[in-house]
Amino acid sequence: MTTSSRRLGDWFSAFDREAFRLETLDDYSQSGGVDAYHAFLAGEEQPEGYRTAGWVGTVAEATHSGKRMYRVHVLSRPLTDYLRFELAWGYHRNMAVGEEFFILDTTDQQNPVPQAPDFWLFDGETVAAMNYDSNGKYLGADFPDAARLTEFKAYRDTAMAHSVPFAEWWAQYGE
């Protein structure tokens, strides 16, 4: 792993063209939005702080300036409680400000990226590999050496080739 002169958060304003995210976990419930997740489970309204979270502004700023932010989530049905929350509340919230989402549903197909870690890929040049514990708590990001860039681009390209737009998937399987 290399050391980046930037922290992960810095990359969301530093990228020039696109930021791609691959999500592979069924539960990120310990990594933010915990109060909103609990409200979702309790059948309550979305908390105002969740609807207007800083991340929403970050995405809006990037997409409104012509940058692309998009992600693929590898998942299988039935959805975990966390995925139901993330897709119903988080994805719809972020789509409203321009983020694009795709689903790679492995329920009826083999996972074409079984070894891929969670990561962000900025402008096809910088990788931030995301680290989580077994409970979905974010532990930080590593920046792999440039020699591994081709590997992460292949994960992105394969995931995109086997995914469908979220809205299409949600119309068929959404809850």
N, C-alpha and C. Protein backbone atom coordinates (compact mmCIF):
# COMPACT_ATOMS: atom_id res chain seq x y z
N MET A 1 0.84 -1.18 0.00
CA MET A 1 0.00 0.00 0.00
C MET A 1 0.89 1.25 0.00
N THR A 2 0.41 2.23 -0.67
CA THR A 2 1.13 3.50 -0.70
C THR A 2 0.43 4.48 0.23
N THR A 3 1.11 5.52 0.52
CA THR A 3 0.54 6.58 1.33
C THR A 3 0.12 7.70 0.40
N SER A 4 -1.11 8.11 0.54
CA SER A 4 -1.60 9.22 -0.26
C SER A 4 -1.36 10.51 0.51
N SER A 5 -1.07 11.57 -0.21
CA SER A 5 -0.91 12.86 0.46
C SER A 5 -2.28 13.42 0.85
N ARG A 6 -3.33 12.77 0.35
CA ARG A 6 -4.70 13.18 0.68
C ARG A 6 -5.37 12.08 1.50
N ARG A 7 -6.29 12.51 2.34
CA ARG A 7 -7.15 11.57 3.04
C ARG A 7 -8.30 11.22 2.11
N LEU A 8 -9.00 10.14 2.41
CA LEU A 8 -10.11 9.73 1.56
C LEU A 8 -11.09 10.88 1.34
N GLY A 9 -11.47 11.55 2.40
CA GLY A 9 -12.44 12.64 2.28
C GLY A 9 -12.00 13.75 1.33
N ASP A 10 -10.70 13.97 1.24
CA ASP A 10 -10.18 15.00 0.34
C ASP A 10 -10.44 14.67 -1.13
N TRP A 11 -10.46 13.39 -1.45
CA TRP A 11 -10.61 12.99 -2.85
C TRP A 11 -11.97 13.36 -3.43
N PHE A 12 -12.98 13.52 -2.57
CA PHE A 12 -14.32 13.82 -3.10
C PHE A 12 -14.43 15.22 -3.67
N SER A 13 -13.53 16.09 -3.31
CA SER A 13 -13.49 17.40 -3.96
C SER A 13 -12.31 17.50 -4.93
N ALA A 14 -11.36 16.58 -4.84
CA ALA A 14 -10.16 16.65 -5.67
C ALA A 14 -10.29 15.95 -7.02
N PHE A 15 -11.22 15.00 -7.15
CA PHE A 15 -11.30 14.29 -8.43
C PHE A 15 -11.83 15.21 -9.52
N ASP A 16 -11.44 14.92 -10.77
CA ASP A 16 -11.79 15.80 -11.88
C ASP A 16 -12.98 15.33 -12.72
N ARG A 17 -13.11 14.00 -12.92
CA ARG A 17 -14.11 13.49 -13.85
C ARG A 17 -15.11 12.53 -13.21
N GLU A 18 -14.61 11.51 -12.52
CA GLU A 18 -15.52 10.50 -12.00
C GLU A 18 -14.99 9.83 -10.75
N ALA A 19 -15.94 9.43 -9.92
CA ALA A 19 -15.64 8.67 -8.71
C ALA A 19 -16.55 7.44 -8.72
N PHE A 20 -15.92 6.29 -8.75
CA PHE A 20 -16.65 5.01 -8.78
C PHE A 20 -16.48 4.31 -7.45
N ARG A 21 -17.55 3.68 -6.98
CA ARG A 21 -17.52 2.94 -5.71
C ARG A 21 -18.04 1.54 -5.95
N LEU A 22 -17.33 0.55 -5.44
CA LEU A 22 -17.83 -0.83 -5.41
C LEU A 22 -18.16 -1.16 -3.97
N GLU A 23 -19.40 -1.55 -3.74
CA GLU A 23 -19.85 -1.97 -2.41
C GLU A 23 -20.10 -3.47 -2.44
N THR A 24 -19.56 -4.17 -1.47
CA THR A 24 -19.67 -5.62 -1.46
C THR A 24 -20.29 -6.18 -0.18
N LEU A 25 -20.53 -5.34 0.81
CA LEU A 25 -21.03 -5.81 2.10
C LEU A 25 -22.56 -5.72 2.17
N ASP A 26 -23.12 -6.54 3.03
CA ASP A 26 -24.57 -6.52 3.29
C ASP A 26 -24.92 -5.62 4.45
N ASP A 27 -23.92 -5.12 5.17
CA ASP A 27 -24.21 -4.33 6.37
C ASP A 27 -23.09 -3.32 6.61
N TYR A 28 -23.46 -2.05 6.54
CA TYR A 28 -22.56 -0.95 6.87
C TYR A 28 -23.14 -0.16 8.05
N SER A 29 -23.94 -0.82 8.85
CA SER A 29 -24.75 -0.11 9.86
C SER A 29 -23.94 0.56 10.96
N GLN A 30 -22.70 0.23 11.09
CA GLN A 30 -21.86 0.87 12.11
C GLN A 30 -20.99 1.97 11.54
N SER A 31 -21.25 2.36 10.29
CA SER A 31 -20.38 3.31 9.60
C SER A 31 -21.00 4.67 9.34
N GLY A 32 -22.07 4.99 9.99
CA GLY A 32 -22.71 6.29 9.78
C GLY A 32 -24.18 6.12 9.53
N GLY A 33 -24.94 7.16 9.80
CA GLY A 33 -26.38 7.10 9.60
C GLY A 33 -27.09 6.14 10.54
N VAL A 34 -26.48 5.89 11.69
CA VAL A 34 -27.02 4.91 12.64
C VAL A 34 -28.40 5.32 13.12
N ASP A 35 -28.58 6.60 13.44
CA ASP A 35 -29.89 7.07 13.90
C ASP A 35 -30.94 6.91 12.81
N ALA A 36 -30.58 7.19 11.57
CA ALA A 36 -31.51 7.03 10.46
C ALA A 36 -31.86 5.56 10.27
N TYR A 37 -30.87 4.69 10.40
CA TYR A 37 -31.12 3.25 10.27
C TYR A 37 -32.11 2.79 11.32
N HIS A 38 -31.95 3.24 12.55
CA HIS A 38 -32.87 2.86 13.62
C HIS A 38 -34.26 3.43 13.35
N ALA A 39 -34.34 4.65 12.82
CA ALA A 39 -35.64 5.24 12.48
C ALA A 39 -36.31 4.42 11.38
N PHE A 40 -35.55 4.00 10.40
CA PHE A 40 -36.08 3.17 9.32
C PHE A 40 -36.66 1.88 9.88
N LEU A 41 -35.89 1.21 10.75
CA LEU A 41 -36.35 -0.05 11.34
C LEU A 41 -37.61 0.14 12.17
N ALA A 42 -37.73 1.30 12.78
CA ALA A 42 -38.89 1.59 13.63
C ALA A 42 -40.09 2.11 12.83
N GLY A 43 -39.94 2.27 11.50
CA GLY A 43 -41.03 2.76 10.67
C GLY A 43 -41.27 4.25 10.81
N GLU A 44 -40.26 4.98 11.25
CA GLU A 44 -40.39 6.42 11.45
C GLU A 44 -40.00 7.18 10.19
N GLU A 45 -40.20 8.48 10.22
CA GLU A 45 -39.81 9.36 9.13
C GLU A 45 -38.28 9.47 9.07
N GLN A 46 -37.77 9.83 7.90
CA GLN A 46 -36.33 10.09 7.79
C GLN A 46 -35.98 11.30 8.64
N PRO A 47 -34.96 11.18 9.48
CA PRO A 47 -34.52 12.34 10.26
C PRO A 47 -34.01 13.45 9.33
N GLU A 48 -34.29 14.67 9.69
CA GLU A 48 -33.86 15.82 8.89
C GLU A 48 -32.34 15.80 8.66
N GLY A 49 -31.60 15.47 9.70
CA GLY A 49 -30.15 15.42 9.59
C GLY A 49 -29.66 14.40 8.58
N TYR A 50 -30.42 13.35 8.36
CA TYR A 50 -30.06 12.34 7.37
C TYR A 50 -30.36 12.86 5.97
N ARG A 51 -31.49 13.50 5.80
CA ARG A 51 -31.87 14.02 4.48
C ARG A 51 -30.92 15.12 4.01
N THR A 52 -30.35 15.84 4.95
CA THR A 52 -29.48 16.98 4.59
C THR A 52 -28.03 16.76 5.00
N ALA A 53 -27.64 15.52 5.15
CA ALA A 53 -26.28 15.17 5.60
C ALA A 53 -25.22 15.79 4.68
N GLY A 54 -24.05 16.00 5.23
CA GLY A 54 -22.94 16.57 4.47
C GLY A 54 -22.64 15.81 3.19
N TRP A 55 -22.80 14.49 3.23
CA TRP A 55 -22.52 13.67 2.06
C TRP A 55 -23.41 14.07 0.88
N VAL A 56 -24.67 14.41 1.16
CA VAL A 56 -25.60 14.82 0.12
C VAL A 56 -25.06 16.09 -0.57
N GLY A 57 -24.56 17.01 0.21
CA GLY A 57 -23.98 18.23 -0.35
C GLY A 57 -22.73 17.94 -1.16
N THR A 58 -21.91 17.01 -0.70
CA THR A 58 -20.69 16.63 -1.42
C THR A 58 -21.05 16.06 -2.78
N VAL A 59 -22.02 15.16 -2.81
CA VAL A 59 -22.45 14.55 -4.08
C VAL A 59 -23.05 15.62 -4.99
N ALA A 60 -23.92 16.44 -4.44
CA ALA A 60 -24.57 17.49 -5.25
C ALA A 60 -23.54 18.43 -5.86
N GLU A 61 -22.57 18.84 -5.07
CA GLU A 61 -21.54 19.75 -5.58
C GLU A 61 -20.78 19.12 -6.74
N ALA A 62 -20.41 17.86 -6.58
CA ALA A 62 -19.67 17.17 -7.64
C ALA A 62 -20.51 17.00 -8.90
N THR A 63 -21.71 16.47 -8.75
CA THR A 63 -22.52 16.18 -9.93
C THR A 63 -23.00 17.46 -10.62
N HIS A 64 -23.31 18.48 -9.85
CA HIS A 64 -23.75 19.72 -10.47
C HIS A 64 -22.63 20.45 -11.20
N SER A 65 -21.39 20.09 -10.88
CA SER A 65 -20.26 20.68 -11.61
C SER A 65 -19.83 19.80 -12.79
N GLY A 66 -20.63 18.77 -13.10
CA GLY A 66 -20.36 17.94 -14.27
C GLY A 66 -19.56 16.68 -14.00
N LYS A 67 -19.26 16.39 -12.77
CA LYS A 67 -18.52 15.18 -12.43
C LYS A 67 -19.50 14.02 -12.25
N ARG A 68 -19.02 12.83 -12.51
CA ARG A 68 -19.87 11.65 -12.37
C ARG A 68 -19.50 10.91 -11.07
N MET A 69 -20.53 10.61 -10.29
CA MET A 69 -20.37 9.75 -9.11
C MET A 69 -21.31 8.58 -9.31
N TYR A 70 -20.76 7.36 -9.24
CA TYR A 70 -21.58 6.18 -9.48
C TYR A 70 -21.01 5.00 -8.71
N ARG A 71 -21.91 4.03 -8.47
CA ARG A 71 -21.48 2.88 -7.70
C ARG A 71 -22.26 1.64 -8.10
N VAL A 72 -21.65 0.51 -7.83
CA VAL A 72 -22.28 -0.79 -7.99
C VAL A 72 -22.29 -1.45 -6.62
N HIS A 73 -23.45 -1.98 -6.25
CA HIS A 73 -23.54 -2.76 -5.01
C HIS A 73 -23.77 -4.21 -5.40
N VAL A 74 -22.87 -5.08 -4.94
CA VAL A 74 -23.00 -6.52 -5.14
C VAL A 74 -23.85 -7.04 -3.98
N LEU A 75 -24.97 -7.66 -4.31
CA LEU A 75 -25.86 -8.15 -3.26
C LEU A 75 -26.63 -9.37 -3.72
N SER A 76 -27.32 -9.99 -2.79
CA SER A 76 -28.23 -11.08 -3.12
C SER A 76 -29.48 -10.94 -2.27
N ARG A 77 -30.55 -11.49 -2.76
CA ARG A 77 -31.82 -11.47 -2.06
C ARG A 77 -31.98 -12.75 -1.26
N PRO A 78 -32.70 -12.74 -0.16
CA PRO A 78 -33.43 -11.60 0.40
C PRO A 78 -32.45 -10.57 0.99
N LEU A 79 -32.89 -9.33 0.96
CA LEU A 79 -32.05 -8.24 1.45
C LEU A 79 -31.97 -8.25 2.97
N THR A 80 -30.81 -7.87 3.47
CA THR A 80 -30.68 -7.67 4.91
C THR A 80 -31.46 -6.41 5.28
N ASP A 81 -31.74 -6.25 6.57
CA ASP A 81 -32.41 -5.02 7.02
C ASP A 81 -31.61 -3.80 6.61
N TYR A 82 -30.29 -3.89 6.73
CA TYR A 82 -29.46 -2.74 6.38
C TYR A 82 -29.59 -2.41 4.89
N LEU A 83 -29.54 -3.42 4.03
CA LEU A 83 -29.66 -3.15 2.60
C LEU A 83 -31.03 -2.57 2.26
N ARG A 84 -32.08 -3.03 2.89
CA ARG A 84 -33.40 -2.45 2.68
C ARG A 84 -33.36 -0.96 3.00
N PHE A 85 -32.72 -0.59 4.09
CA PHE A 85 -32.55 0.81 4.49
C PHE A 85 -31.71 1.57 3.47
N GLU A 86 -30.55 1.05 3.15
CA GLU A 86 -29.64 1.75 2.25
C GLU A 86 -30.26 2.00 0.88
N LEU A 87 -30.94 1.00 0.34
CA LEU A 87 -31.52 1.14 -0.98
C LEU A 87 -32.76 2.04 -0.96
N ALA A 88 -33.62 1.86 0.03
CA ALA A 88 -34.87 2.63 0.09
C ALA A 88 -34.63 4.09 0.45
N TRP A 89 -33.76 4.34 1.38
CA TRP A 89 -33.54 5.71 1.83
C TRP A 89 -32.28 6.32 1.21
N GLY A 90 -31.15 5.67 1.38
CA GLY A 90 -29.87 6.25 0.96
C GLY A 90 -29.74 6.43 -0.54
N TYR A 91 -30.04 5.38 -1.29
CA TYR A 91 -29.87 5.48 -2.74
C TYR A 91 -30.86 6.49 -3.32
N HIS A 92 -32.10 6.44 -2.89
CA HIS A 92 -33.07 7.41 -3.42
C HIS A 92 -32.68 8.84 -3.06
N ARG A 93 -32.19 9.04 -1.85
CA ARG A 93 -31.76 10.39 -1.42
C ARG A 93 -30.62 10.87 -2.32
N ASN A 94 -29.62 10.04 -2.54
CA ASN A 94 -28.45 10.44 -3.32
C ASN A 94 -28.74 10.56 -4.81
N MET A 95 -29.67 9.74 -5.31
CA MET A 95 -30.06 9.85 -6.71
C MET A 95 -30.66 11.22 -7.00
N ALA A 96 -31.36 11.77 -6.02
CA ALA A 96 -32.00 13.07 -6.20
C ALA A 96 -31.00 14.19 -6.45
N VAL A 97 -29.73 13.98 -6.05
CA VAL A 97 -28.70 14.99 -6.29
C VAL A 97 -27.68 14.55 -7.33
N GLY A 98 -27.98 13.45 -8.05
CA GLY A 98 -27.17 13.11 -9.21
C GLY A 98 -26.29 11.89 -9.14
N GLU A 99 -26.21 11.21 -8.00
CA GLU A 99 -25.39 10.00 -7.95
C GLU A 99 -26.10 8.88 -8.69
N GLU A 100 -25.34 8.04 -9.39
CA GLU A 100 -25.89 6.91 -10.14
C GLU A 100 -25.61 5.62 -9.38
N PHE A 101 -26.59 4.70 -9.42
CA PHE A 101 -26.46 3.43 -8.72
C PHE A 101 -26.78 2.28 -9.65
N PHE A 102 -26.04 1.20 -9.45
CA PHE A 102 -26.24 -0.03 -10.21
C PHE A 102 -26.22 -1.20 -9.23
N ILE A 103 -26.95 -2.24 -9.56
CA ILE A 103 -27.03 -3.42 -8.71
C ILE A 103 -26.48 -4.62 -9.46
N LEU A 104 -25.57 -5.33 -8.82
CA LEU A 104 -25.09 -6.60 -9.34
C LEU A 104 -25.69 -7.66 -8.40
N ASP A 105 -26.82 -8.21 -8.81
CA ASP A 105 -27.58 -9.15 -8.00
C ASP A 105 -27.06 -10.56 -8.25
N THR A 106 -26.51 -11.17 -7.22
CA THR A 106 -25.93 -12.51 -7.35
C THR A 106 -26.88 -13.62 -6.87
N THR A 107 -28.16 -13.28 -6.71
CA THR A 107 -29.12 -14.28 -6.26
C THR A 107 -29.19 -15.45 -7.22
N ASP A 108 -29.24 -15.17 -8.52
CA ASP A 108 -29.38 -16.23 -9.53
C ASP A 108 -28.19 -16.33 -10.46
N GLN A 109 -27.07 -15.74 -10.07
CA GLN A 109 -25.85 -15.82 -10.89
C GLN A 109 -24.65 -15.84 -9.96
N GLN A 110 -23.56 -16.37 -10.47
CA GLN A 110 -22.32 -16.38 -9.71
C GLN A 110 -21.76 -14.97 -9.66
N ASN A 111 -21.13 -14.63 -8.55
CA ASN A 111 -20.51 -13.32 -8.40
C ASN A 111 -19.30 -13.22 -9.33
N PRO A 112 -19.32 -12.31 -10.30
CA PRO A 112 -18.20 -12.19 -11.23
C PRO A 112 -16.98 -11.47 -10.64
N VAL A 113 -17.13 -10.90 -9.43
CA VAL A 113 -16.02 -10.21 -8.77
C VAL A 113 -15.89 -10.70 -7.31
N PRO A 114 -15.76 -12.01 -7.12
CA PRO A 114 -15.82 -12.55 -5.74
C PRO A 114 -14.68 -12.11 -4.83
N GLN A 115 -13.56 -11.74 -5.38
CA GLN A 115 -12.41 -11.34 -4.56
C GLN A 115 -12.29 -9.83 -4.41
N ALA A 116 -13.17 -9.09 -5.04
CA ALA A 116 -13.06 -7.63 -5.03
C ALA A 116 -13.38 -7.07 -3.65
N PRO A 117 -12.54 -6.17 -3.17
CA PRO A 117 -12.84 -5.48 -1.92
C PRO A 117 -13.72 -4.25 -2.19
N ASP A 118 -14.24 -3.68 -1.16
CA ASP A 118 -14.91 -2.38 -1.28
C ASP A 118 -13.83 -1.35 -1.64
N PHE A 119 -14.15 -0.46 -2.56
CA PHE A 119 -13.17 0.57 -2.91
C PHE A 119 -13.83 1.73 -3.62
N TRP A 120 -13.12 2.85 -3.63
CA TRP A 120 -13.41 4.01 -4.46
C TRP A 120 -12.30 4.07 -5.51
N LEU A 121 -12.65 4.45 -6.72
CA LEU A 121 -11.69 4.67 -7.80
C LEU A 121 -11.95 6.07 -8.34
N PHE A 122 -10.97 6.93 -8.18
CA PHE A 122 -11.10 8.33 -8.59
C PHE A 122 -10.39 8.56 -9.92
N ASP A 123 -11.15 9.02 -10.91
CA ASP A 123 -10.62 9.34 -12.24
C ASP A 123 -9.85 8.19 -12.87
N GLY A 124 -10.15 6.97 -12.46
CA GLY A 124 -9.46 5.81 -13.01
C GLY A 124 -7.98 5.78 -12.69
N GLU A 125 -7.56 6.59 -11.69
CA GLU A 125 -6.13 6.73 -11.40
C GLU A 125 -5.75 6.47 -9.95
N THR A 126 -6.67 6.71 -9.03
CA THR A 126 -6.36 6.59 -7.60
C THR A 126 -7.39 5.67 -6.96
N VAL A 127 -6.90 4.66 -6.26
CA VAL A 127 -7.77 3.70 -5.57
C VAL A 127 -7.68 3.93 -4.07
N ALA A 128 -8.84 3.93 -3.44
CA ALA A 128 -8.93 3.92 -1.98
C ALA A 128 -9.66 2.64 -1.61
N ALA A 129 -8.92 1.66 -1.08
CA ALA A 129 -9.51 0.39 -0.66
C ALA A 129 -10.07 0.57 0.74
N MET A 130 -11.36 0.27 0.88
CA MET A 130 -12.08 0.51 2.13
C MET A 130 -11.93 -0.70 3.05
N ASN A 131 -11.75 -0.42 4.33
CA ASN A 131 -11.61 -1.49 5.32
C ASN A 131 -12.75 -1.40 6.33
N TYR A 132 -13.37 -2.54 6.60
CA TYR A 132 -14.48 -2.65 7.54
C TYR A 132 -14.25 -3.84 8.45
N ASP A 133 -14.81 -3.75 9.68
CA ASP A 133 -14.78 -4.93 10.53
C ASP A 133 -15.98 -5.81 10.21
N SER A 134 -16.12 -6.92 10.90
CA SER A 134 -17.18 -7.88 10.59
C SER A 134 -18.57 -7.36 10.90
N ASN A 135 -18.68 -6.23 11.61
CA ASN A 135 -19.98 -5.64 11.93
C ASN A 135 -20.32 -4.45 11.03
N GLY A 136 -19.53 -4.24 9.99
CA GLY A 136 -19.81 -3.13 9.08
C GLY A 136 -19.29 -1.79 9.54
N LYS A 137 -18.37 -1.78 10.49
CA LYS A 137 -17.80 -0.51 10.97
C LYS A 137 -16.61 -0.14 10.10
N TYR A 138 -16.62 1.08 9.59
CA TYR A 138 -15.54 1.57 8.75
C TYR A 138 -14.27 1.75 9.58
N LEU A 139 -13.17 1.19 9.09
CA LEU A 139 -11.90 1.24 9.81
C LEU A 139 -10.87 2.14 9.14
N GLY A 140 -11.15 2.60 7.95
CA GLY A 140 -10.20 3.45 7.24
C GLY A 140 -9.97 2.96 5.82
N ALA A 141 -9.17 3.71 5.09
CA ALA A 141 -8.87 3.39 3.69
C ALA A 141 -7.37 3.26 3.49
N ASP A 142 -7.01 2.34 2.62
CA ASP A 142 -5.63 2.18 2.17
C ASP A 142 -5.58 2.60 0.70
N PHE A 143 -4.42 3.05 0.27
CA PHE A 143 -4.23 3.47 -1.11
C PHE A 143 -3.23 2.52 -1.76
N PRO A 144 -3.75 1.50 -2.49
CA PRO A 144 -2.86 0.50 -3.11
C PRO A 144 -1.89 1.14 -4.11
N ASP A 145 -0.77 0.45 -4.30
CA ASP A 145 0.23 0.90 -5.26
C ASP A 145 -0.36 1.00 -6.66
N ALA A 146 0.21 1.88 -7.45
CA ALA A 146 -0.25 2.08 -8.83
C ALA A 146 -0.17 0.78 -9.64
N ALA A 147 0.71 -0.13 -9.24
CA ALA A 147 0.84 -1.40 -9.95
C ALA A 147 -0.46 -2.22 -9.89
N ARG A 148 -1.33 -1.92 -8.92
CA ARG A 148 -2.59 -2.66 -8.78
C ARG A 148 -3.77 -1.94 -9.45
N LEU A 149 -3.52 -0.82 -10.08
CA LEU A 149 -4.59 -0.04 -10.68
C LEU A 149 -5.38 -0.85 -11.70
N THR A 150 -4.71 -1.62 -12.54
CA THR A 150 -5.38 -2.45 -13.55
C THR A 150 -6.34 -3.42 -12.91
N GLU A 151 -5.97 -3.99 -11.78
CA GLU A 151 -6.83 -4.93 -11.05
C GLU A 151 -8.14 -4.25 -10.63
N PHE A 152 -8.05 -3.06 -10.06
CA PHE A 152 -9.24 -2.36 -9.60
C PHE A 152 -10.10 -1.87 -10.76
N LYS A 153 -9.47 -1.46 -11.85
CA LYS A 153 -10.24 -1.08 -13.04
C LYS A 153 -11.00 -2.29 -13.58
N ALA A 154 -10.37 -3.44 -13.54
CA ALA A 154 -11.04 -4.67 -14.01
C ALA A 154 -12.23 -5.01 -13.11
N TYR A 155 -12.08 -4.82 -11.80
CA TYR A 155 -13.23 -5.03 -10.90
C TYR A 155 -14.37 -4.09 -11.30
N ARG A 156 -14.04 -2.82 -11.51
CA ARG A 156 -15.07 -1.84 -11.90
C ARG A 156 -15.74 -2.26 -13.20
N ASP A 157 -14.95 -2.55 -14.21
CA ASP A 157 -15.50 -2.86 -15.53
C ASP A 157 -16.35 -4.13 -15.49
N THR A 158 -15.90 -5.13 -14.77
CA THR A 158 -16.66 -6.38 -14.66
C THR A 158 -17.95 -6.15 -13.89
N ALA A 159 -17.88 -5.44 -12.80
CA ALA A 159 -19.08 -5.16 -12.01
C ALA A 159 -20.10 -4.38 -12.83
N MET A 160 -19.65 -3.37 -13.56
CA MET A 160 -20.56 -2.58 -14.39
C MET A 160 -21.17 -3.45 -15.50
N ALA A 161 -20.39 -4.32 -16.10
CA ALA A 161 -20.88 -5.16 -17.20
C ALA A 161 -21.95 -6.15 -16.73
N HIS A 162 -21.94 -6.51 -15.45
CA HIS A 162 -22.89 -7.50 -14.93
C HIS A 162 -24.00 -6.88 -14.07
N SER A 163 -24.05 -5.57 -14.00
CA SER A 163 -25.04 -4.91 -13.16
C SER A 163 -26.16 -4.31 -14.00
N VAL A 164 -27.21 -3.91 -13.31
CA VAL A 164 -28.32 -3.22 -13.96
C VAL A 164 -28.54 -1.90 -13.22
N PRO A 165 -29.10 -0.92 -13.90
CA PRO A 165 -29.40 0.34 -13.21
C PRO A 165 -30.31 0.08 -12.01
N PHE A 166 -30.03 0.79 -10.93
CA PHE A 166 -30.78 0.60 -9.70
C PHE A 166 -32.29 0.75 -9.91
N ALA A 167 -32.72 1.78 -10.63
CA ALA A 167 -34.16 2.01 -10.80
C ALA A 167 -34.84 0.81 -11.45
N GLU A 168 -34.16 0.19 -12.41
CA GLU A 168 -34.69 -1.00 -13.08
C GLU A 168 -34.79 -2.16 -12.09
N TRP A 169 -33.73 -2.37 -11.32
CA TRP A 169 -33.71 -3.45 -10.33
C TRP A 169 -34.76 -3.20 -9.26
N TRP A 170 -34.85 -1.97 -8.76
CA TRP A 170 -35.78 -1.61 -7.69
C TRP A 170 -37.23 -1.82 -8.13
N ALA A 171 -37.54 -1.50 -9.40
CA ALA A 171 -38.90 -1.68 -9.90
C ALA A 171 -39.32 -3.15 -9.84
N GLN A 172 -38.35 -4.03 -9.97
CA GLN A 172 -38.66 -5.46 -9.94
C GLN A 172 -38.59 -6.05 -8.54
N TYR A 173 -37.62 -5.61 -7.73
CA TYR A 173 -37.36 -6.27 -6.44
C TYR A 173 -37.52 -5.37 -5.22
N GLY A 174 -37.72 -4.07 -5.42
CA GLY A 174 -37.80 -3.15 -4.29
C GLY A 174 -38.94 -3.48 -3.37
N GLU A 175 -38.77 -3.06 -2.14
CA GLU A 175 -39.77 -3.38 -1.13
C GLU A 175 -40.59 -2.16 -0.78
